Amino acid sequence: MSTYVPDYQRIADDLREQIKTGKLTPGDKLPSKRELREIYGTSAQPVDAALFMLRTEGYVEGRQGKGTFVTNKRPD
């Protein structure tokens, strides 16, 4: 029996793992929200929730008019 994982959690987990493993490094820009919706095959709400979660945890920061970027901070 598989355990259901909400879309926002799946997206946040994947991006967090990419940051932890160095696939995404400090200063890297994340794909746009539109691109993330296409990549993960979901709507805007789960993408927004995932990015909010990652911002709250300190993994990413939003820059007005520029996008979302990986921070220099290491939350772990």
PDB file of N, CA and C in Angstrom:
ATOM      1  N   MET A   1       0.839  -1.178   0.000  1.00  0.00           N
ATOM      2  CA  MET A   1       0.000   0.000   0.000  1.00  0.00           C
ATOM      3  C   MET A   1       0.884   1.241   0.000  1.00  0.00           C
ATOM      4  N   SER A   2       0.684   2.133  -0.960  1.00  0.00           N
ATOM      5  CA  SER A   2       1.496   3.340  -1.040  1.00  0.00           C
ATOM      6  C   SER A   2       0.863   4.460  -0.206  1.00  0.00           C
ATOM      7  N   THR A   3       1.703   5.331   0.259  1.00  0.00           N
ATOM      8  CA  THR A   3       1.254   6.452   1.052  1.00  0.00           C
ATOM      9  C   THR A   3       1.085   7.653   0.141  1.00  0.00           C
ATOM     10  N   TYR A   4      -0.056   8.329   0.263  1.00  0.00           N
ATOM     11  CA  TYR A   4      -0.326   9.517  -0.544  1.00  0.00           C
ATOM     12  C   TYR A   4       0.551  10.669  -0.078  1.00  0.00           C
ATOM     13  N   VAL A   5       1.209  11.333  -1.014  1.00  0.00           N
ATOM     14  CA  VAL A   5       2.002  12.523  -0.724  1.00  0.00           C
ATOM     15  C   VAL A   5       1.383  13.674  -1.516  1.00  0.00           C
ATOM     16  N   PRO A   6       0.950  14.735  -0.829  1.00  0.00           N
ATOM     17  CA  PRO A   6       0.357  15.870  -1.539  1.00  0.00           C
ATOM     18  C   PRO A   6       1.353  16.468  -2.539  1.00  0.00           C
ATOM     19  N   ASP A   7       0.824  17.045  -3.606  1.00  0.00           N
ATOM     20  CA  ASP A   7       1.673  17.615  -4.649  1.00  0.00           C
ATOM     21  C   ASP A   7       2.659  18.630  -4.091  1.00  0.00           C
ATOM     22  N   TYR A   8       2.207  19.520  -3.203  1.00  0.00           N
ATOM     23  CA  TYR A   8       3.113  20.545  -2.697  1.00  0.00           C
ATOM     24  C   TYR A   8       4.284  19.913  -1.941  1.00  0.00           C
ATOM     25  N   GLN A   9       4.014  18.831  -1.215  1.00  0.00           N
ATOM     26  CA  GLN A   9       5.067  18.157  -0.456  1.00  0.00           C
ATOM     27  C   GLN A   9       6.047  17.465  -1.403  1.00  0.00           C
ATOM     28  N   ARG A  10       5.521  16.853  -2.448  1.00  0.00           N
ATOM     29  CA  ARG A  10       6.353  16.178  -3.444  1.00  0.00           C
ATOM     30  C   ARG A  10       7.283  17.179  -4.135  1.00  0.00           C
ATOM     31  N   ILE A  11       6.752  18.340  -4.480  1.00  0.00           N
ATOM     32  CA  ILE A  11       7.551  19.378  -5.135  1.00  0.00           C
ATOM     33  C   ILE A  11       8.618  19.904  -4.177  1.00  0.00           C
ATOM     34  N   ALA A  12       8.217  20.237  -2.958  1.00  0.00           N
ATOM     35  CA  ALA A  12       9.165  20.753  -1.968  1.00  0.00           C
ATOM     36  C   ALA A  12      10.251  19.726  -1.675  1.00  0.00           C
ATOM     37  N   ASP A  13       9.870  18.476  -1.518  1.00  0.00           N
ATOM     38  CA  ASP A  13      10.850  17.413  -1.240  1.00  0.00           C
ATOM     39  C   ASP A  13      11.862  17.291  -2.375  1.00  0.00           C
ATOM     40  N   ASP A  14      11.381  17.346  -3.613  1.00  0.00           N
ATOM     41  CA  ASP A  14      12.267  17.208  -4.758  1.00  0.00           C
ATOM     42  C   ASP A  14      13.232  18.384  -4.851  1.00  0.00           C
ATOM     43  N   LEU A  15      12.720  19.607  -4.721  1.00  0.00           N
ATOM     44  CA  LEU A  15      13.591  20.775  -4.801  1.00  0.00           C
ATOM     45  C   LEU A  15      14.576  20.810  -3.630  1.00  0.00           C
ATOM     46  N   ARG A  16      14.112  20.443  -2.444  1.00  0.00           N
ATOM     47  CA  ARG A  16      14.985  20.396  -1.265  1.00  0.00           C
ATOM     48  C   ARG A  16      16.125  19.402  -1.490  1.00  0.00           C
ATOM     49  N   GLU A  17      15.801  18.252  -2.054  1.00  0.00           N
ATOM     50  CA  GLU A  17      16.815  17.233  -2.332  1.00  0.00           C
ATOM     51  C   GLU A  17      17.827  17.740  -3.361  1.00  0.00           C
ATOM     52  N   GLN A  18      17.342  18.458  -4.375  1.00  0.00           N
ATOM     53  CA  GLN A  18      18.253  19.021  -5.380  1.00  0.00           C
ATOM     54  C   GLN A  18      19.207  20.031  -4.754  1.00  0.00           C
ATOM     55  N   ILE A  19      18.721  20.779  -3.768  1.00  0.00           N
ATOM     56  CA  ILE A  19      19.566  21.747  -3.072  1.00  0.00           C
ATOM     57  C   ILE A  19      20.572  21.015  -2.186  1.00  0.00           C
ATOM     58  N   LYS A  20      20.105  20.025  -1.449  1.00  0.00           N
ATOM     59  CA  LYS A  20      20.983  19.290  -0.532  1.00  0.00           C
ATOM     60  C   LYS A  20      22.094  18.542  -1.269  1.00  0.00           C
ATOM     61  N   THR A  21      21.788  18.020  -2.449  1.00  0.00           N
ATOM     62  CA  THR A  21      22.776  17.243  -3.198  1.00  0.00           C
ATOM     63  C   THR A  21      23.673  18.112  -4.080  1.00  0.00           C
ATOM     64  N   GLY A  22      23.383  19.402  -4.144  1.00  0.00           N
ATOM     65  CA  GLY A  22      24.216  20.300  -4.932  1.00  0.00           C
ATOM     66  C   GLY A  22      23.813  20.448  -6.378  1.00  0.00           C
ATOM     67  N   LYS A  23      22.729  19.821  -6.777  1.00  0.00           N
ATOM     68  CA  LYS A  23      22.243  20.016  -8.147  1.00  0.00           C
ATOM     69  C   LYS A  23      21.809  21.468  -8.331  1.00  0.00           C
ATOM     70  N   LEU A  24      21.217  22.022  -7.285  1.00  0.00           N
ATOM     71  CA  LEU A  24      20.919  23.455  -7.228  1.00  0.00           C
ATOM     72  C   LEU A  24      21.819  24.039  -6.151  1.00  0.00           C
ATOM     73  N   THR A  25      22.575  25.074  -6.502  1.00  0.00           N
ATOM     74  CA  THR A  25      23.542  25.640  -5.568  1.00  0.00           C
ATOM     75  C   THR A  25      23.159  27.072  -5.202  1.00  0.00           C
ATOM     76  N   PRO A  26      23.742  27.602  -4.117  1.00  0.00           N
ATOM     77  CA  PRO A  26      23.419  28.972  -3.713  1.00  0.00           C
ATOM     78  C   PRO A  26      23.552  29.956  -4.870  1.00  0.00           C
ATOM     79  N   GLY A  27      22.523  30.774  -5.020  1.00  0.00           N
ATOM     80  CA  GLY A  27      22.480  31.757  -6.100  1.00  0.00           C
ATOM     81  C   GLY A  27      21.753  31.277  -7.333  1.00  0.00           C
ATOM     82  N   ASP A  28      21.550  29.961  -7.461  1.00  0.00           N
ATOM     83  CA  ASP A  28      20.819  29.442  -8.622  1.00  0.00           C
ATOM     84  C   ASP A  28      19.371  29.912  -8.589  1.00  0.00           C
ATOM     85  N   LYS A  29      18.860  30.238  -9.755  1.00  0.00           N
ATOM     86  CA  LYS A  29      17.460  30.623  -9.891  1.00  0.00           C
ATOM     87  C   LYS A  29      16.633  29.373 -10.153  1.00  0.00           C
ATOM     88  N   LEU A  30      15.544  29.232  -9.420  1.00  0.00           N
ATOM     89  CA  LEU A  30      14.621  28.126  -9.657  1.00  0.00           C
ATOM     90  C   LEU A  30      13.822  28.405 -10.922  1.00  0.00           C
ATOM     91  N   PRO A  31      13.296  27.383 -11.544  1.00  0.00           N
ATOM     92  CA  PRO A  31      12.408  27.615 -12.685  1.00  0.00           C
ATOM     93  C   PRO A  31      11.232  28.500 -12.252  1.00  0.00           C
ATOM     94  N   SER A  32      10.637  29.184 -13.206  1.00  0.00           N
ATOM     95  CA  SER A  32       9.478  30.034 -12.904  1.00  0.00           C
ATOM     96  C   SER A  32       8.325  29.170 -12.391  1.00  0.00           C
ATOM     97  N   LYS A  33       7.355  29.811 -11.773  1.00  0.00           N
ATOM     98  CA  LYS A  33       6.192  29.074 -11.275  1.00  0.00           C
ATOM     99  C   LYS A  33       5.491  28.342 -12.418  1.00  0.00           C
ATOM    100  N   ARG A  34       5.405  28.987 -13.563  1.00  0.00           N
ATOM    101  CA  ARG A  34       4.777  28.346 -14.727  1.00  0.00           C
ATOM    102  C   ARG A  34       5.554  27.099 -15.127  1.00  0.00           C
ATOM    103  N   GLU A  35       6.880  27.228 -15.152  1.00  0.00           N
ATOM    104  CA  GLU A  35       7.719  26.078 -15.506  1.00  0.00           C
ATOM    105  C   GLU A  35       7.595  24.963 -14.464  1.00  0.00           C
ATOM    106  N   LEU A  36       7.538  25.334 -13.192  1.00  0.00           N
ATOM    107  CA  LEU A  36       7.373  24.316 -12.149  1.00  0.00           C
ATOM    108  C   LEU A  36       6.032  23.597 -12.294  1.00  0.00           C
ATOM    109  N   ARG A  37       4.982  24.331 -12.650  1.00  0.00           N
ATOM    110  CA  ARG A  37       3.674  23.684 -12.876  1.00  0.00           C
ATOM    111  C   ARG A  37       3.781  22.655 -13.993  1.00  0.00           C
ATOM    112  N   GLU A  38       4.501  23.001 -15.057  1.00  0.00           N
ATOM    113  CA  GLU A  38       4.670  22.079 -16.180  1.00  0.00           C
ATOM    114  C   GLU A  38       5.543  20.887 -15.792  1.00  0.00           C
ATOM    115  N   ILE A  39       6.638  21.145 -15.095  1.00  0.00           N
ATOM    116  CA  ILE A  39       7.561  20.081 -14.690  1.00  0.00           C
ATOM    117  C   ILE A  39       6.852  19.051 -13.821  1.00  0.00           C
ATOM    118  N   TYR A  40       6.080  19.537 -12.839  1.00  0.00           N
ATOM    119  CA  TYR A  40       5.451  18.641 -11.873  1.00  0.00           C
ATOM    120  C   TYR A  40       4.005  18.290 -12.226  1.00  0.00           C
ATOM    121  N   GLY A  41       3.496  18.826 -13.323  1.00  0.00           N
ATOM    122  CA  GLY A  41       2.151  18.480 -13.782  1.00  0.00           C
ATOM    123  C   GLY A  41       1.069  18.818 -12.782  1.00  0.00           C
ATOM    124  N   THR A  42       1.148  20.016 -12.234  1.00  0.00           N
ATOM    125  CA  THR A  42       0.186  20.406 -11.208  1.00  0.00           C
ATOM    126  C   THR A  42      -0.281  21.838 -11.436  1.00  0.00           C
ATOM    127  N   SER A  43      -1.142  22.306 -10.571  1.00  0.00           N
ATOM    128  CA  SER A  43      -1.667  23.660 -10.675  1.00  0.00           C
ATOM    129  C   SER A  43      -0.808  24.632  -9.875  1.00  0.00           C
ATOM    130  N   ALA A  44      -1.205  25.889  -9.868  1.00  0.00           N
ATOM    131  CA  ALA A  44      -0.433  26.939  -9.205  1.00  0.00           C
ATOM    132  C   ALA A  44      -0.397  26.783  -7.687  1.00  0.00           C
ATOM    133  N   GLN A  45      -1.483  26.358  -7.080  1.00  0.00           N
ATOM    134  CA  GLN A  45      -1.557  26.302  -5.617  1.00  0.00           C
ATOM    135  C   GLN A  45      -0.490  25.392  -4.989  1.00  0.00           C
ATOM    136  N   PRO A  46      -0.292  24.166  -5.466  1.00  0.00           N
ATOM    137  CA  PRO A  46       0.767  23.334  -4.882  1.00  0.00           C
ATOM    138  C   PRO A  46       2.170  23.919  -5.088  1.00  0.00           C
ATOM    139  N   VAL A  47       2.414  24.545  -6.219  1.00  0.00           N
ATOM    140  CA  VAL A  47       3.708  25.164  -6.469  1.00  0.00           C
ATOM    141  C   VAL A  47       3.928  26.296  -5.473  1.00  0.00           C
ATOM    142  N   ASP A  48       2.915  27.152  -5.295  1.00  0.00           N
ATOM    143  CA  ASP A  48       3.027  28.248  -4.332  1.00  0.00           C
ATOM    144  C   ASP A  48       3.264  27.724  -2.920  1.00  0.00           C
ATOM    145  N   ALA A  49       2.551  26.684  -2.541  1.00  0.00           N
ATOM    146  CA  ALA A  49       2.702  26.115  -1.201  1.00  0.00           C
ATOM    147  C   ALA A  49       4.103  25.524  -1.014  1.00  0.00           C
ATOM    148  N   ALA A  50       4.623  24.860  -2.033  1.00  0.00           N
ATOM    149  CA  ALA A  50       5.969  24.272  -1.948  1.00  0.00           C
ATOM    150  C   ALA A  50       7.020  25.364  -1.805  1.00  0.00           C
ATOM    151  N   LEU A  51       6.896  26.428  -2.588  1.00  0.00           N
ATOM    152  CA  LEU A  51       7.865  27.518  -2.505  1.00  0.00           C
ATOM    153  C   LEU A  51       7.775  28.230  -1.162  1.00  0.00           C
ATOM    154  N   PHE A  52       6.559  28.383  -0.649  1.00  0.00           N
ATOM    155  CA  PHE A  52       6.379  28.979   0.678  1.00  0.00           C
ATOM    156  C   PHE A  52       7.083  28.122   1.733  1.00  0.00           C
ATOM    157  N   MET A  53       6.908  26.823   1.636  1.00  0.00           N
ATOM    158  CA  MET A  53       7.544  25.907   2.584  1.00  0.00           C
ATOM    159  C   MET A  53       9.066  26.044   2.528  1.00  0.00           C
ATOM    160  N   LEU A  54       9.622  26.070   1.335  1.00  0.00           N
ATOM    161  CA  LEU A  54      11.070  26.173   1.182  1.00  0.00           C
ATOM    162  C   LEU A  54      11.600  27.529   1.650  1.00  0.00           C
ATOM    163  N   ARG A  55      10.818  28.602   1.431  1.00  0.00           N
ATOM    164  CA  ARG A  55      11.216  29.919   1.948  1.00  0.00           C
ATOM    165  C   ARG A  55      11.210  29.913   3.468  1.00  0.00           C
ATOM    166  N   THR A  56      10.175  29.333   4.059  1.00  0.00           N
ATOM    167  CA  THR A  56      10.056  29.260   5.515  1.00  0.00           C
ATOM    168  C   THR A  56      11.220  28.475   6.118  1.00  0.00           C
ATOM    169  N   GLU A  57      11.650  27.431   5.444  1.00  0.00           N
ATOM    170  CA  GLU A  57      12.756  26.593   5.920  1.00  0.00           C
ATOM    171  C   GLU A  57      14.123  27.235   5.650  1.00  0.00           C
ATOM    172  N   GLY A  58      14.160  28.296   4.845  1.00  0.00           N
ATOM    173  CA  GLY A  58      15.413  28.985   4.566  1.00  0.00           C
ATOM    174  C   GLY A  58      16.186  28.484   3.367  1.00  0.00           C
ATOM    175  N   TYR A  59      15.613  27.614   2.575  1.00  0.00           N
ATOM    176  CA  TYR A  59      16.308  27.077   1.403  1.00  0.00           C
ATOM    177  C   TYR A  59      16.310  28.039   0.219  1.00  0.00           C
ATOM    178  N   VAL A  60      15.244  28.818   0.085  1.00  0.00           N
ATOM    179  CA  VAL A  60      15.132  29.736  -1.047  1.00  0.00           C
ATOM    180  C   VAL A  60      14.634  31.095  -0.565  1.00  0.00           C
ATOM    181  N   GLU A  61      14.832  32.088  -1.435  1.00  0.00           N
ATOM    182  CA  GLU A  61      14.301  33.420  -1.169  1.00  0.00           C
ATOM    183  C   GLU A  61      13.739  33.979  -2.459  1.00  0.00           C
ATOM    184  N   GLY A  62      12.647  34.716  -2.324  1.00  0.00           N
ATOM    185  CA  GLY A  62      12.053  35.366  -3.485  1.00  0.00           C
ATOM    186  C   GLY A  62      12.628  36.759  -3.635  1.00  0.00           C
ATOM    187  N   ARG A  63      12.877  37.154  -4.866  1.00  0.00           N
ATOM    188  CA  ARG A  63      13.347  38.506  -5.163  1.00  0.00           C
ATOM    189  C   ARG A  63      12.323  39.144  -6.088  1.00  0.00           C
ATOM    190  N   GLN A  64      11.717  40.214  -5.610  1.00  0.00           N
ATOM    191  CA  GLN A  64      10.635  40.882  -6.334  1.00  0.00           C
ATOM    192  C   GLN A  64      11.039  41.151  -7.782  1.00  0.00           C
ATOM    193  N   GLY A  65      10.248  40.633  -8.696  1.00  0.00           N
ATOM    194  CA  GLY A  65      10.473  40.852 -10.115  1.00  0.00           C
ATOM    195  C   GLY A  65      11.615  40.053 -10.722  1.00  0.00           C
ATOM    196  N   LYS A  66      12.304  39.257  -9.916  1.00  0.00           N
ATOM    197  CA  LYS A  66      13.460  38.498 -10.411  1.00  0.00           C
ATOM    198  C   LYS A  66      13.225  36.994 -10.405  1.00  0.00           C
ATOM    199  N   GLY A  67      12.535  36.498  -9.377  1.00  0.00           N
ATOM    200  CA  GLY A  67      12.294  35.069  -9.274  1.00  0.00           C
ATOM    201  C   GLY A  67      12.635  34.542  -7.893  1.00  0.00           C
ATOM    202  N   THR A  68      12.812  33.236  -7.822  1.00  0.00           N
ATOM    203  CA  THR A  68      13.139  32.559  -6.566  1.00  0.00           C
ATOM    204  C   THR A  68      14.515  31.939  -6.695  1.00  0.00           C
ATOM    205  N   PHE A  69      15.359  32.163  -5.682  1.00  0.00           N
ATOM    206  CA  PHE A  69      16.756  31.761  -5.730  1.00  0.00           C
ATOM    207  C   PHE A  69      17.133  30.925  -4.518  1.00  0.00           C
ATOM    208  N   VAL A  70      18.074  30.015  -4.713  1.00  0.00           N
ATOM    209  CA  VAL A  70      18.612  29.213  -3.615  1.00  0.00           C
ATOM    210  C   VAL A  70      19.450  30.140  -2.742  1.00  0.00           C
ATOM    211  N   THR A  71      19.269  30.031  -1.428  1.00  0.00           N
ATOM    212  CA  THR A  71      20.006  30.887  -0.498  1.00  0.00           C
ATOM    213  C   THR A  71      21.379  30.319  -0.197  1.00  0.00           C
ATOM    214  N   ASN A  72      22.193  31.144   0.440  1.00  0.00           N
ATOM    215  CA  ASN A  72      23.517  30.717   0.900  1.00  0.00           C
ATOM    216  C   ASN A  72      23.412  29.996   2.230  1.00  0.00           C
ATOM    217  N   LYS A  73      22.264  30.104   2.879  1.00  0.00           N
ATOM    218  CA  LYS A  73      22.069  29.487   4.189  1.00  0.00           C
ATOM    219  C   LYS A  73      21.970  27.979   4.040  1.00  0.00           C
ATOM    220  N   ARG A  74      22.386  27.287   5.063  1.00  0.00           N
ATOM    221  CA  ARG A  74      22.239  25.832   5.119  1.00  0.00           C
ATOM    222  C   ARG A  74      21.342  25.501   6.292  1.00  0.00           C
ATOM    223  N   PRO A  75      20.040  25.304   6.029  1.00  0.00           N
ATOM    224  CA  PRO A  75      19.092  25.051   7.115  1.00  0.00           C
ATOM    225  C   PRO A  75      19.405  23.812   7.949  1.00  0.00           C
ATOM    226  N   ASP A  76      20.040  22.818   7.364  1.00  0.00           N
ATOM    227  CA  ASP A  76      20.299  21.582   8.102  1.00  0.00           C
ATOM    228  C   ASP A  76      21.440  21.809   9.001  1.00  0.00           C
TER     229      ASP A  76
END
